[in-house]
């Protein structure tokens, strides 16, 4: 069955006031629980805002770009559903609960995962 990455960029939720964050968190957790109950949830979570490190193909590691210089991932969910339409329906639920747009991308099939 296809797996999909549903994600949003870092900063996409900056418009939400500190007072509203608990309600957004609770609404999002409801959707996650629904996805788990439906058997489509694989994994997901928010990503802390921080400076990244880059591991290069030669094995070297260096400080990465500051998040303000390019779009970086702010949070994601990985789900397994029968179709892209199903993934879009779940993305819409996450978008409503998170109060921000969600990107949907199919994950390439890997028979060993």
PDB file of N, CA and C in Angstrom:
ATOM      1  N   UNK A   1       0.861  -1.172   0.000  1.00  0.00           N
ATOM      2  CA  UNK A   1       0.000   0.000   0.000  1.00  0.00           C
ATOM      3  C   UNK A   1       0.909   1.237   0.000  1.00  0.00           C
ATOM      4  N   UNK A   2       0.532   2.276  -0.730  1.00  0.00           N
ATOM      5  CA  UNK A   2       1.371   3.478  -0.804  1.00  0.00           C
ATOM      6  C   UNK A   2       1.474   4.214   0.536  1.00  0.00           C
ATOM      7  N   UNK A   3       2.647   4.791   0.748  1.00  0.00           N
ATOM      8  CA  UNK A   3       2.877   5.646   1.913  1.00  0.00           C
ATOM      9  C   UNK A   3       3.042   7.078   1.435  1.00  0.00           C
ATOM     10  N   UNK A   4       2.592   8.005   2.261  1.00  0.00           N
ATOM     11  CA  UNK A   4       2.637   9.414   1.907  1.00  0.00           C
ATOM     12  C   UNK A   4       3.238  10.229   3.043  1.00  0.00           C
ATOM     13  N   UNK A   5       4.012  11.227   2.651  1.00  0.00           N
ATOM     14  CA  UNK A   5       4.539  12.213   3.580  1.00  0.00           C
ATOM     15  C   UNK A   5       3.618  13.422   3.516  1.00  0.00           C
ATOM     16  N   UNK A   6       3.059  13.788   4.650  1.00  0.00           N
ATOM     17  CA  UNK A   6       2.256  15.004   4.773  1.00  0.00           C
ATOM     18  C   UNK A   6       3.078  15.939   5.643  1.00  0.00           C
ATOM     19  N   UNK A   7       3.404  17.125   5.129  1.00  0.00           N
ATOM     20  CA  UNK A   7       4.315  17.989   5.867  1.00  0.00           C
ATOM     21  C   UNK A   7       3.980  19.459   5.719  1.00  0.00           C
ATOM     22  N   UNK A   8       4.594  20.255   6.592  1.00  0.00           N
ATOM     23  CA  UNK A   8       4.487  21.709   6.499  1.00  0.00           C
ATOM     24  C   UNK A   8       5.844  22.310   6.823  1.00  0.00           C
ATOM     25  N   UNK A   9       6.076  23.504   6.285  1.00  0.00           N
ATOM     26  CA  UNK A   9       7.357  24.180   6.474  1.00  0.00           C
ATOM     27  C   UNK A   9       7.452  24.817   7.852  1.00  0.00           C
ATOM     28  N   UNK A  10       8.681  24.927   8.330  1.00  0.00           N
ATOM     29  CA  UNK A  10       8.975  25.640   9.557  1.00  0.00           C
ATOM     30  C   UNK A  10       8.465  27.080   9.405  1.00  0.00           C
ATOM     31  N   UNK A  11       7.798  27.576  10.390  1.00  0.00           N
ATOM     32  CA  UNK A  11       7.253  28.925  10.345  1.00  0.00           C
ATOM     33  C   UNK A  11       5.807  28.983   9.887  1.00  0.00           C
ATOM     34  N   UNK A  12       5.280  27.876   9.379  1.00  0.00           N
ATOM     35  CA  UNK A  12       3.903  27.867   8.877  1.00  0.00           C
ATOM     36  C   UNK A  12       2.871  28.093   9.968  1.00  0.00           C
ATOM     37  N   UNK A  13       3.263  27.853  11.203  1.00  0.00           N
ATOM     38  CA  UNK A  13       2.321  28.030  12.311  1.00  0.00           C
ATOM     39  C   UNK A  13       2.628  29.284  13.128  1.00  0.00           C
ATOM     40  N   UNK A  14       3.542  30.127  12.636  1.00  0.00           N
ATOM     41  CA  UNK A  14       3.917  31.327  13.387  1.00  0.00           C
ATOM     42  C   UNK A  14       2.763  32.302  13.576  1.00  0.00           C
ATOM     43  N   UNK A  15       1.734  32.209  12.749  1.00  0.00           N
ATOM     44  CA  UNK A  15       0.580  33.109  12.866  1.00  0.00           C
ATOM     45  C   UNK A  15      -0.334  32.761  14.042  1.00  0.00           C
ATOM     46  N   UNK A  16      -0.090  31.620  14.658  1.00  0.00           N
ATOM     47  CA  UNK A  16      -0.935  31.165  15.764  1.00  0.00           C
ATOM     48  C   UNK A  16      -0.404  31.760  17.063  1.00  0.00           C
ATOM     49  N   UNK A  17      -1.274  32.385  17.828  1.00  0.00           N
ATOM     50  CA  UNK A  17      -0.853  33.013  19.081  1.00  0.00           C
ATOM     51  C   UNK A  17      -0.492  31.943  20.115  1.00  0.00           C
ATOM     52  N   UNK A  18       0.314  32.341  21.076  1.00  0.00           N
ATOM     53  CA  UNK A  18       0.695  31.427  22.158  1.00  0.00           C
ATOM     54  C   UNK A  18      -0.533  30.929  22.906  1.00  0.00           C
ATOM     55  N   UNK A  19      -1.536  31.790  23.029  1.00  0.00           N
ATOM     56  CA  UNK A  19      -2.766  31.395  23.726  1.00  0.00           C
ATOM     57  C   UNK A  19      -3.539  30.324  22.960  1.00  0.00           C
ATOM     58  N   UNK A  20      -3.428  30.326  21.629  1.00  0.00           N
ATOM     59  CA  UNK A  20      -4.157  29.357  20.802  1.00  0.00           C
ATOM     60  C   UNK A  20      -3.397  28.040  20.596  1.00  0.00           C
ATOM     61  N   UNK A  21      -2.110  28.019  20.879  1.00  0.00           N
ATOM     62  CA  UNK A  21      -1.316  26.806  20.624  1.00  0.00           C
ATOM     63  C   UNK A  21      -1.839  25.564  21.341  1.00  0.00           C
ATOM     64  N   UNK A  22      -2.269  25.644  22.603  1.00  0.00           N
ATOM     65  CA  UNK A  22      -2.814  24.431  23.239  1.00  0.00           C
ATOM     66  C   UNK A  22      -4.023  23.855  22.496  1.00  0.00           C
ATOM     67  N   UNK A  23      -4.884  24.703  21.967  1.00  0.00           N
ATOM     68  CA  UNK A  23      -6.051  24.223  21.221  1.00  0.00           C
ATOM     69  C   UNK A  23      -5.625  23.573  19.906  1.00  0.00           C
ATOM     70  N   UNK A  24      -4.637  24.156  19.251  1.00  0.00           N
ATOM     71  CA  UNK A  24      -4.122  23.579  17.998  1.00  0.00           C
ATOM     72  C   UNK A  24      -3.473  22.229  18.290  1.00  0.00           C
ATOM     73  N   UNK A  25      -2.685  22.168  19.355  1.00  0.00           N
ATOM     74  CA  UNK A  25      -2.049  20.914  19.746  1.00  0.00           C
ATOM     75  C   UNK A  25      -3.099  19.840  20.019  1.00  0.00           C
ATOM     76  N   UNK A  26      -4.132  20.192  20.769  1.00  0.00           N
ATOM     77  CA  UNK A  26      -5.192  19.221  21.089  1.00  0.00           C
ATOM     78  C   UNK A  26      -5.917  18.767  19.835  1.00  0.00           C
ATOM     79  N   UNK A  27      -6.219  19.690  18.928  1.00  0.00           N
ATOM     80  CA  UNK A  27      -6.928  19.333  17.690  1.00  0.00           C
ATOM     81  C   UNK A  27      -6.079  18.414  16.821  1.00  0.00           C
ATOM     82  N   UNK A  28      -4.795  18.692  16.771  1.00  0.00           N
ATOM     83  CA  UNK A  28      -3.896  17.865  15.964  1.00  0.00           C
ATOM     84  C   UNK A  28      -3.769  16.468  16.563  1.00  0.00           C
ATOM     85  N   UNK A  29      -3.691  16.387  17.872  1.00  0.00           N
ATOM     86  CA  UNK A  29      -3.598  15.076  18.527  1.00  0.00           C
ATOM     87  C   UNK A  29      -4.853  14.231  18.279  1.00  0.00           C
ATOM     88  N   UNK A  30      -5.996  14.884  18.166  1.00  0.00           N
ATOM     89  CA  UNK A  30      -7.237  14.166  17.835  1.00  0.00           C
ATOM     90  C   UNK A  30      -7.098  13.520  16.463  1.00  0.00           C
ATOM     91  N   UNK A  31      -6.584  14.266  15.479  1.00  0.00           N
ATOM     92  CA  UNK A  31      -6.432  13.718  14.128  1.00  0.00           C
ATOM     93  C   UNK A  31      -5.415  12.575  14.130  1.00  0.00           C
ATOM     94  N   UNK A  32      -4.332  12.713  14.881  1.00  0.00           N
ATOM     95  CA  UNK A  32      -3.343  11.629  14.978  1.00  0.00           C
ATOM     96  C   UNK A  32      -3.991  10.384  15.580  1.00  0.00           C
ATOM     97  N   UNK A  33      -4.764  10.563  16.633  1.00  0.00           N
ATOM     98  CA  UNK A  33      -5.456   9.407  17.239  1.00  0.00           C
ATOM     99  C   UNK A  33      -6.433   8.773  16.252  1.00  0.00           C
ATOM    100  N   UNK A  34      -7.112   9.597  15.461  1.00  0.00           N
ATOM    101  CA  UNK A  34      -8.023   9.063  14.439  1.00  0.00           C
ATOM    102  C   UNK A  34      -7.246   8.271  13.382  1.00  0.00           C
ATOM    103  N   UNK A  35      -6.095   8.786  12.971  1.00  0.00           N
ATOM    104  CA  UNK A  35      -5.266   8.079  11.979  1.00  0.00           C
ATOM    105  C   UNK A  35      -4.770   6.754  12.546  1.00  0.00           C
ATOM    106  N   UNK A  36      -4.389   6.750  13.813  1.00  0.00           N
ATOM    107  CA  UNK A  36      -3.956   5.504  14.457  1.00  0.00           C
ATOM    108  C   UNK A  36      -5.119   4.506  14.524  1.00  0.00           C
ATOM    109  N   UNK A  37      -6.281   4.981  14.919  1.00  0.00           N
ATOM    110  CA  UNK A  37      -7.456   4.106  15.015  1.00  0.00           C
ATOM    111  C   UNK A  37      -7.854   3.547  13.653  1.00  0.00           C
ATOM    112  N   UNK A  38      -7.633   4.337  12.600  1.00  0.00           N
ATOM    113  CA  UNK A  38      -7.951   3.892  11.235  1.00  0.00           C
ATOM    114  C   UNK A  38      -6.884   2.968  10.668  1.00  0.00           C
ATOM    115  N   UNK A  39      -5.763   2.836  11.391  1.00  0.00           N
ATOM    116  CA  UNK A  39      -4.687   1.949  10.935  1.00  0.00           C
ATOM    117  C   UNK A  39      -3.828   2.521   9.819  1.00  0.00           C
ATOM    118  N   UNK A  40      -3.847   3.850   9.627  1.00  0.00           N
ATOM    119  CA  UNK A  40      -3.069   4.458   8.544  1.00  0.00           C
ATOM    120  C   UNK A  40      -1.806   5.151   9.045  1.00  0.00           C
ATOM    121  N   UNK A  41      -1.696   5.393  10.337  1.00  0.00           N
ATOM    122  CA  UNK A  41      -0.569   6.133  10.911  1.00  0.00           C
ATOM    123  C   UNK A  41       0.695   5.281  10.920  1.00  0.00           C
ATOM    124  N   UNK A  42       1.801   5.846  10.422  1.00  0.00           N
ATOM    125  CA  UNK A  42       3.099   5.192  10.512  1.00  0.00           C
ATOM    126  C   UNK A  42       3.963   5.909  11.542  1.00  0.00           C
ATOM    127  N   UNK A  43       4.156   7.226  11.354  1.00  0.00           N
ATOM    128  CA  UNK A  43       5.028   7.999  12.229  1.00  0.00           C
ATOM    129  C   UNK A  43       4.857   9.470  11.918  1.00  0.00           C
ATOM    130  N   UNK A  44       5.195  10.322  12.861  1.00  0.00           N
ATOM    131  CA  UNK A  44       5.168  11.755  12.595  1.00  0.00           C
ATOM    132  C   UNK A  44       5.528  12.559  13.813  1.00  0.00           C
ATOM    133  N   UNK A  45       5.646  13.866  13.600  1.00  0.00           N
ATOM    134  CA  UNK A  45       5.930  14.761  14.708  1.00  0.00           C
ATOM    135  C   UNK A  45       6.371  16.120  14.220  1.00  0.00           C
ATOM    136  N   UNK A  46       6.467  17.031  15.157  1.00  0.00           N
ATOM    137  CA  UNK A  46       7.000  18.353  14.864  1.00  0.00           C
ATOM    138  C   UNK A  46       8.516  18.316  14.946  1.00  0.00           C
ATOM    139  N   UNK A  47       9.149  19.251  14.272  1.00  0.00           N
ATOM    140  CA  UNK A  47      10.607  19.340  14.297  1.00  0.00           C
ATOM    141  C   UNK A  47      10.980  20.652  14.968  1.00  0.00           C
ATOM    142  N   UNK A  48      11.828  20.559  15.981  1.00  0.00           N
ATOM    143  CA  UNK A  48      12.239  21.752  16.702  1.00  0.00           C
ATOM    144  C   UNK A  48      12.936  22.733  15.775  1.00  0.00           C
ATOM    145  N   UNK A  49      12.683  24.006  15.980  1.00  0.00           N
ATOM    146  CA  UNK A  49      13.346  25.054  15.207  1.00  0.00           C
ATOM    147  C   UNK A  49      14.775  25.180  15.734  1.00  0.00           C
ATOM    148  N   UNK A  50      15.704  24.885  14.877  1.00  0.00           N
ATOM    149  CA  UNK A  50      17.106  24.945  15.276  1.00  0.00           C
ATOM    150  C   UNK A  50      18.000  24.980  14.052  1.00  0.00           C
ATOM    151  N   UNK A  51      19.242  25.235  14.270  1.00  0.00           N
ATOM    152  CA  UNK A  51      20.214  25.194  13.191  1.00  0.00           C
ATOM    153  C   UNK A  51      20.531  23.723  12.920  1.00  0.00           C
ATOM    154  N   UNK A  52      20.645  23.370  11.665  1.00  0.00           N
ATOM    155  CA  UNK A  52      20.872  21.975  11.295  1.00  0.00           C
ATOM    156  C   UNK A  52      22.352  21.699  11.061  1.00  0.00           C
ATOM    157  N   UNK A  53      22.683  20.446  10.968  1.00  0.00           N
ATOM    158  CA  UNK A  53      24.015  20.008  10.571  1.00  0.00           C
ATOM    159  C   UNK A  53      23.861  19.242   9.263  1.00  0.00           C
ATOM    160  N   UNK A  54      24.853  19.341   8.411  1.00  0.00           N
ATOM    161  CA  UNK A  54      24.824  18.681   7.111  1.00  0.00           C
ATOM    162  C   UNK A  54      25.905  17.603   7.075  1.00  0.00           C
ATOM    163  N   UNK A  55      25.506  16.373   6.774  1.00  0.00           N
ATOM    164  CA  UNK A  55      26.455  15.277   6.563  1.00  0.00           C
ATOM    165  C   UNK A  55      26.635  15.133   5.055  1.00  0.00           C
ATOM    166  N   UNK A  56      27.846  15.383   4.572  1.00  0.00           N
ATOM    167  CA  UNK A  56      28.144  15.360   3.135  1.00  0.00           C
ATOM    168  C   UNK A  56      28.459  13.943   2.668  1.00  0.00           C
ATOM    169  N   UNK A  57      28.389  13.702   1.343  1.00  0.00           N
ATOM    170  CA  UNK A  57      28.690  12.368   0.816  1.00  0.00           C
ATOM    171  C   UNK A  57      30.090  11.858   1.169  1.00  0.00           C
ATOM    172  N   UNK A  58      31.041  12.771   1.412  1.00  0.00           N
ATOM    173  CA  UNK A  58      32.395  12.338   1.771  1.00  0.00           C
ATOM    174  C   UNK A  58      32.530  12.005   3.250  1.00  0.00           C
ATOM    175  N   UNK A  59      31.420  12.127   3.996  1.00  0.00           N
ATOM    176  CA  UNK A  59      31.426  11.796   5.417  1.00  0.00           C
ATOM    177  C   UNK A  59      31.696  12.983   6.324  1.00  0.00           C
ATOM    178  N   UNK A  60      32.040  14.137   5.768  1.00  0.00           N
ATOM    179  CA  UNK A  60      32.290  15.305   6.599  1.00  0.00           C
ATOM    180  C   UNK A  60      30.962  15.872   7.101  1.00  0.00           C
ATOM    181  N   UNK A  61      31.023  16.529   8.246  1.00  0.00           N
ATOM    182  CA  UNK A  61      29.843  17.129   8.848  1.00  0.00           C
ATOM    183  C   UNK A  61      30.140  18.598   9.113  1.00  0.00           C
ATOM    184  N   UNK A  62      29.185  19.457   8.756  1.00  0.00           N
ATOM    185  CA  UNK A  62      29.356  20.892   8.998  1.00  0.00           C
ATOM    186  C   UNK A  62      28.032  21.483   9.454  1.00  0.00           C
ATOM    187  N   UNK A  63      28.118  22.685  10.014  1.00  0.00           N
ATOM    188  CA  UNK A  63      26.890  23.381  10.379  1.00  0.00           C
ATOM    189  C   UNK A  63      26.086  23.649   9.134  1.00  0.00           C
ATOM    190  N   UNK A  64      24.779  23.484   9.242  1.00  0.00           N
ATOM    191  CA  UNK A  64      23.899  23.694   8.093  1.00  0.00           C
ATOM    192  C   UNK A  64      23.440  25.127   7.992  1.00  0.00           C
ATOM    193  N   UNK A  65      22.619  25.390   7.006  1.00  0.00           N
ATOM    194  CA  UNK A  65      22.103  26.747   6.829  1.00  0.00           C
ATOM    195  C   UNK A  65      21.134  27.117   7.947  1.00  0.00           C
ATOM    196  N   UNK A  66      21.074  28.393   8.257  1.00  0.00           N
ATOM    197  CA  UNK A  66      20.093  28.868   9.226  1.00  0.00           C
ATOM    198  C   UNK A  66      18.704  28.657   8.627  1.00  0.00           C
ATOM    199  N   UNK A  67      17.716  28.248   9.424  1.00  0.00           N
ATOM    200  CA  UNK A  67      16.376  27.997   8.878  1.00  0.00           C
ATOM    201  C   UNK A  67      15.782  29.175   8.117  1.00  0.00           C
ATOM    202  N   UNK A  68      16.186  30.409   8.444  1.00  0.00           N
ATOM    203  CA  UNK A  68      15.627  31.572   7.761  1.00  0.00           C
ATOM    204  C   UNK A  68      16.115  31.696   6.322  1.00  0.00           C
ATOM    205  N   UNK A  69      17.185  30.994   5.969  1.00  0.00           N
ATOM    206  CA  UNK A  69      17.748  31.164   4.631  1.00  0.00           C
ATOM    207  C   UNK A  69      17.097  30.287   3.580  1.00  0.00           C
ATOM    208  N   UNK A  70      16.401  29.264   3.985  1.00  0.00           N
ATOM    209  CA  UNK A  70      15.697  28.414   3.031  1.00  0.00           C
ATOM    210  C   UNK A  70      14.568  27.694   3.758  1.00  0.00           C
ATOM    211  N   UNK A  71      13.628  27.164   2.999  1.00  0.00           N
ATOM    212  CA  UNK A  71      12.513  26.449   3.608  1.00  0.00           C
ATOM    213  C   UNK A  71      13.018  25.149   4.230  1.00  0.00           C
ATOM    214  N   UNK A  72      12.605  24.901   5.442  1.00  0.00           N
ATOM    215  CA  UNK A  72      12.944  23.657   6.125  1.00  0.00           C
ATOM    216  C   UNK A  72      11.669  23.054   6.693  1.00  0.00           C
ATOM    217  N   UNK A  73      11.709  21.789   6.935  1.00  0.00           N
ATOM    218  CA  UNK A  73      10.552  21.067   7.440  1.00  0.00           C
ATOM    219  C   UNK A  73      10.239  21.483   8.878  1.00  0.00           C
ATOM    220  N   UNK A  74       8.964  21.730   9.143  1.00  0.00           N
ATOM    221  CA  UNK A  74       8.535  22.098  10.483  1.00  0.00           C
ATOM    222  C   UNK A  74       7.798  20.980  11.194  1.00  0.00           C
ATOM    223  N   UNK A  75       7.211  20.068  10.435  1.00  0.00           N
ATOM    224  CA  UNK A  75       6.498  18.942  11.006  1.00  0.00           C
ATOM    225  C   UNK A  75       6.025  18.020   9.904  1.00  0.00           C
ATOM    226  N   UNK A  76       5.735  16.773  10.262  1.00  0.00           N
ATOM    227  CA  UNK A  76       5.363  15.802   9.238  1.00  0.00           C
ATOM    228  C   UNK A  76       4.580  14.648   9.827  1.00  0.00           C
ATOM    229  N   UNK A  77       3.892  13.959   8.937  1.00  0.00           N
ATOM    230  CA  UNK A  77       3.213  12.703   9.250  1.00  0.00           C
ATOM    231  C   UNK A  77       3.479  11.761   8.085  1.00  0.00           C
ATOM    232  N   UNK A  78       3.663  10.501   8.396  1.00  0.00           N
ATOM    233  CA  UNK A  78       3.768   9.478   7.358  1.00  0.00           C
ATOM    234  C   UNK A  78       2.597   8.535   7.565  1.00  0.00           C
ATOM    235  N   UNK A  79       1.814   8.398   6.507  1.00  0.00           N
ATOM    236  CA  UNK A  79       0.639   7.537   6.575  1.00  0.00           C
ATOM    237  C   UNK A  79       0.693   6.509   5.444  1.00  0.00           C
ATOM    238  N   UNK A  80      -0.034   5.440   5.612  1.00  0.00           N
ATOM    239  CA  UNK A  80      -0.137   4.383   4.594  1.00  0.00           C
ATOM    240  C   UNK A  80      -1.616   4.213   4.268  1.00  0.00           C
ATOM    241  N   UNK A  81      -1.981   4.599   3.045  1.00  0.00           N
ATOM    242  CA  UNK A  81      -3.385   4.584   2.616  1.00  0.00           C
ATOM    243  C   UNK A  81      -3.479   4.021   1.203  1.00  0.00           C
ATOM    244  N   UNK A  82      -4.664   3.589   0.789  1.00  0.00           N
ATOM    245  CA  UNK A  82      -4.815   2.974  -0.533  1.00  0.00           C
ATOM    246  C   UNK A  82      -4.589   3.902  -1.720  1.00  0.00           C
ATOM    247  N   UNK A  83      -4.835   5.212  -1.547  1.00  0.00           N
ATOM    248  CA  UNK A  83      -4.768   6.085  -2.720  1.00  0.00           C
ATOM    249  C   UNK A  83      -4.327   7.501  -2.361  1.00  0.00           C
ATOM    250  N   UNK A  84      -3.946   8.246  -3.388  1.00  0.00           N
ATOM    251  CA  UNK A  84      -3.585   9.658  -3.206  1.00  0.00           C
ATOM    252  C   UNK A  84      -4.789  10.447  -2.683  1.00  0.00           C
ATOM    253  N   UNK A  85      -5.977  10.113  -3.157  1.00  0.00           N
ATOM    254  CA  UNK A  85      -7.179  10.799  -2.668  1.00  0.00           C
ATOM    255  C   UNK A  85      -7.341  10.615  -1.160  1.00  0.00           C
ATOM    256  N   UNK A  86      -7.046   9.410  -0.669  1.00  0.00           N
ATOM    257  CA  UNK A  86      -7.111   9.173   0.778  1.00  0.00           C
ATOM    258  C   UNK A  86      -6.065  10.009   1.504  1.00  0.00           C
ATOM    259  N   UNK A  87      -4.863  10.091   0.939  1.00  0.00           N
ATOM    260  CA  UNK A  87      -3.802  10.906   1.543  1.00  0.00           C
ATOM    261  C   UNK A  87      -4.208  12.373   1.581  1.00  0.00           C
ATOM    262  N   UNK A  88      -4.823  12.857   0.512  1.00  0.00           N
ATOM    263  CA  UNK A  88      -5.271  14.246   0.468  1.00  0.00           C
ATOM    264  C   UNK A  88      -6.354  14.513   1.501  1.00  0.00           C
ATOM    265  N   UNK A  89      -7.215  13.542   1.709  1.00  0.00           N
ATOM    266  CA  UNK A  89      -8.273  13.702   2.718  1.00  0.00           C
ATOM    267  C   UNK A  89      -7.664  13.818   4.117  1.00  0.00           C
ATOM    268  N   UNK A  90      -6.655  12.988   4.412  1.00  0.00           N
ATOM    269  CA  UNK A  90      -5.978  13.093   5.705  1.00  0.00           C
ATOM    270  C   UNK A  90      -5.221  14.403   5.814  1.00  0.00           C
ATOM    271  N   UNK A  91      -4.573  14.829   4.744  1.00  0.00           N
ATOM    272  CA  UNK A  91      -3.852  16.104   4.749  1.00  0.00           C
ATOM    273  C   UNK A  91      -4.800  17.259   5.057  1.00  0.00           C
ATOM    274  N   UNK A  92      -6.000  17.207   4.517  1.00  0.00           N
ATOM    275  CA  UNK A  92      -6.986  18.257   4.784  1.00  0.00           C
ATOM    276  C   UNK A  92      -7.353  18.283   6.268  1.00  0.00           C
ATOM    277  N   UNK A  93      -7.440  17.118   6.876  1.00  0.00           N
ATOM    278  CA  UNK A  93      -7.751  17.061   8.304  1.00  0.00           C
ATOM    279  C   UNK A  93      -6.606  17.659   9.127  1.00  0.00           C
ATOM    280  N   UNK A  94      -5.366  17.330   8.735  1.00  0.00           N
ATOM    281  CA  UNK A  94      -4.214  17.904   9.433  1.00  0.00           C
ATOM    282  C   UNK A  94      -4.134  19.409   9.215  1.00  0.00           C
ATOM    283  N   UNK A  95      -4.403  19.862   8.004  1.00  0.00           N
ATOM    284  CA  UNK A  95      -4.361  21.298   7.705  1.00  0.00           C
ATOM    285  C   UNK A  95      -5.364  22.058   8.574  1.00  0.00           C
ATOM    286  N   UNK A  96      -6.556  21.509   8.712  1.00  0.00           N
ATOM    287  CA  UNK A  96      -7.569  22.169   9.534  1.00  0.00           C
ATOM    288  C   UNK A  96      -7.137  22.215  10.996  1.00  0.00           C
ATOM    289  N   UNK A  97      -6.616  21.104  11.504  1.00  0.00           N
ATOM    290  CA  UNK A  97      -6.234  21.061  12.916  1.00  0.00           C
ATOM    291  C   UNK A  97      -4.994  21.902  13.204  1.00  0.00           C
ATOM    292  N   UNK A  98      -4.033  21.916  12.287  1.00  0.00           N
ATOM    293  CA  UNK A  98      -2.790  22.674  12.474  1.00  0.00           C
ATOM    294  C   UNK A  98      -2.930  24.140  12.085  1.00  0.00           C
ATOM    295  N   UNK A  99      -4.013  24.434  11.367  1.00  0.00           N
ATOM    296  CA  UNK A  99      -4.241  25.793  10.866  1.00  0.00           C
ATOM    297  C   UNK A  99      -3.143  26.249   9.913  1.00  0.00           C
ATOM    298  N   UNK A 100      -2.623  25.306   9.126  1.00  0.00           N
ATOM    299  CA  UNK A 100      -1.633  25.655   8.103  1.00  0.00           C
ATOM    300  C   UNK A 100      -1.692  24.636   6.973  1.00  0.00           C
ATOM    301  N   UNK A 101      -1.262  25.071   5.803  1.00  0.00           N
ATOM    302  CA  UNK A 101      -1.285  24.219   4.613  1.00  0.00           C
ATOM    303  C   UNK A 101      -0.348  23.028   4.790  1.00  0.00           C
ATOM    304  N   UNK A 102      -0.694  21.932   4.147  1.00  0.00           N
ATOM    305  CA  UNK A 102       0.087  20.700   4.217  1.00  0.00           C
ATOM    306  C   UNK A 102       0.479  20.281   2.801  1.00  0.00           C
ATOM    307  N   UNK A 103       1.704  19.839   2.649  1.00  0.00           N
ATOM    308  CA  UNK A 103       2.175  19.307   1.369  1.00  0.00           C
ATOM    309  C   UNK A 103       2.042  17.796   1.415  1.00  0.00           C
ATOM    310  N   UNK A 104       1.639  17.195   0.299  1.00  0.00           N
ATOM    311  CA  UNK A 104       1.469  15.743   0.231  1.00  0.00           C
ATOM    312  C   UNK A 104       2.383  15.194  -0.849  1.00  0.00           C
ATOM    313  N   UNK A 105       3.204  14.225  -0.475  1.00  0.00           N
ATOM    314  CA  UNK A 105       4.113  13.592  -1.435  1.00  0.00           C
ATOM    315  C   UNK A 105       4.119  12.089  -1.201  1.00  0.00           C
ATOM    316  N   UNK A 106       4.052  11.324  -2.283  1.00  0.00           N
ATOM    317  CA  UNK A 106       4.106   9.870  -2.163  1.00  0.00           C
ATOM    318  C   UNK A 106       5.552   9.453  -1.927  1.00  0.00           C
ATOM    319  N   UNK A 107       5.736   8.501  -1.045  1.00  0.00           N
ATOM    320  CA  UNK A 107       7.060   7.969  -0.739  1.00  0.00           C
ATOM    321  C   UNK A 107       7.328   6.805  -1.675  1.00  0.00           C
ATOM    322  N   UNK A 108       8.512   6.792  -2.263  1.00  0.00           N
ATOM    323  CA  UNK A 108       8.861   5.704  -3.187  1.00  0.00           C
ATOM    324  C   UNK A 108       8.803   4.362  -2.471  1.00  0.00           C
ATOM    325  N   UNK A 109       8.302   3.350  -3.149  1.00  0.00           N
ATOM    326  CA  UNK A 109       8.189   2.019  -2.556  1.00  0.00           C
ATOM    327  C   UNK A 109       9.578   1.423  -2.349  1.00  0.00           C
ATOM    328  N   UNK A 110       9.776   0.864  -1.177  1.00  0.00           N
ATOM    329  CA  UNK A 110      11.010   0.159  -0.853  1.00  0.00           C
ATOM    330  C   UNK A 110      10.586  -1.185  -0.256  1.00  0.00           C
ATOM    331  N   UNK A 111      10.844  -2.288  -0.971  1.00  0.00           N
ATOM    332  CA  UNK A 111      10.380  -3.594  -0.472  1.00  0.00           C
ATOM    333  C   UNK A 111      11.015  -4.004   0.861  1.00  0.00           C
ATOM    334  N   UNK A 112      12.093  -3.346   1.263  1.00  0.00           N
ATOM    335  CA  UNK A 112      12.740  -3.701   2.522  1.00  0.00           C
ATOM    336  C   UNK A 112      12.297  -2.840   3.704  1.00  0.00           C
ATOM    337  N   UNK A 113      11.366  -1.911   3.462  1.00  0.00           N
ATOM    338  CA  UNK A 113      10.935  -1.079   4.596  1.00  0.00           C
ATOM    339  C   UNK A 113       9.559  -1.467   5.076  1.00  0.00           C
TER     340      UNK A 113
END
